[in-house]
Amino acid sequence: MQINLEQIEAAALSLPPEGRARLAERLLASIEDDPDITTAWVAEARRRDAEIEAGRVVPLLAEEVFSKARAGHR
């Protein structure tokens, strides 16, 4: 029997929260080992840091970000 992405997704979403979290961690860890992805993330972090240092972007506190996100989803 061949299993497709939709079946895997449905099975994963039927797991309890702890199981979904564990699966998500394992999937992310498998991606993080990819040197191309690591290189891309480092470049993005450097770009964002340069924007902050140049004053083009003002970082927000996490509390403010979460507050705005919660307000937008009500």
Protein backbone atom coordinates (compact mmCIF):
# COMPACT_ATOMS: atom_id res chain seq x y z
CA MET A 1 0.00 0.00 0.00
CA GLN A 2 1.38 3.36 -1.02
CA ILE A 3 0.69 6.29 1.33
CA ASN A 4 0.45 9.84 0.02
CA LEU A 5 1.10 13.20 1.62
CA GLU A 6 -2.58 13.85 2.36
CA GLN A 7 -2.85 10.56 4.25
CA ILE A 8 0.30 11.30 6.23
CA GLU A 9 -0.99 14.78 7.06
CA ALA A 10 -4.38 13.45 8.17
CA ALA A 11 -2.71 10.83 10.36
CA ALA A 12 -0.36 13.42 11.88
CA LEU A 13 -3.21 15.81 12.63
CA SER A 14 -5.09 13.05 14.42
CA LEU A 15 -2.24 12.65 16.94
CA PRO A 16 -2.58 14.19 20.39
CA PRO A 17 -0.80 17.55 20.86
CA GLU A 18 2.28 15.94 22.41
CA GLY A 19 2.63 13.57 19.46
CA ARG A 20 2.21 16.38 16.92
CA ALA A 21 4.85 18.44 18.74
CA ARG A 22 7.28 15.51 18.76
CA LEU A 23 6.68 14.86 15.06
CA ALA A 24 7.12 18.55 14.23
CA GLU A 25 10.42 18.66 16.13
CA ARG A 26 11.71 15.60 14.29
CA LEU A 27 10.64 16.95 10.90
CA LEU A 28 12.25 20.33 11.56
CA ALA A 29 15.43 18.67 12.77
CA SER A 30 15.61 16.70 9.53
CA ILE A 31 15.43 19.94 7.54
CA GLU A 32 17.91 21.80 9.72
CA ASP A 33 20.61 19.31 8.74
CA ASP A 34 20.41 20.55 5.15
CA PRO A 35 23.43 22.82 4.52
CA ASP A 36 21.56 24.83 1.85
CA ILE A 37 18.78 25.67 4.30
CA THR A 38 21.28 26.53 7.04
CA THR A 39 23.12 28.83 4.63
CA ALA A 40 19.86 30.52 3.64
CA TRP A 41 18.87 31.09 7.29
CA VAL A 42 22.28 32.57 8.12
CA ALA A 43 21.99 34.94 5.16
CA GLU A 44 18.48 35.96 6.25
CA ALA A 45 19.62 36.57 9.83
CA ARG A 46 22.51 38.73 8.60
CA ARG A 47 20.17 40.68 6.32
CA ARG A 48 17.74 41.33 9.16
CA ASP A 49 20.55 42.33 11.50
CA ALA A 50 21.89 44.79 8.92
CA GLU A 51 18.42 46.34 8.55
CA ILE A 52 18.19 46.83 12.33
CA GLU A 53 21.72 48.22 12.56
CA ALA A 54 20.99 50.67 9.72
CA GLY A 55 17.81 51.84 11.44
CA ARG A 56 15.55 50.72 8.58
CA VAL A 57 13.71 48.32 10.88
CA VAL A 58 12.78 48.69 14.53
CA PRO A 59 12.52 45.34 16.32
CA LEU A 60 9.49 44.64 18.49
CA LEU A 61 9.40 42.94 21.86
CA ALA A 62 7.99 39.43 21.74
CA GLU A 63 5.21 40.49 24.12
CA GLU A 64 4.08 43.13 21.63
CA VAL A 65 4.16 40.71 18.72
CA PHE A 66 2.09 38.13 20.60
CA SER A 67 -0.36 40.78 21.79
CA LYS A 68 -0.87 42.03 18.24
CA ALA A 69 -1.25 38.47 16.95
CA ARG A 70 -3.87 37.64 19.59
CA ALA A 71 -5.78 40.86 18.84
CA GLY A 72 -5.85 40.02 15.14
CA HIS A 73 -7.31 36.55 15.70
CA ARG A 74 -10.28 37.57 17.86
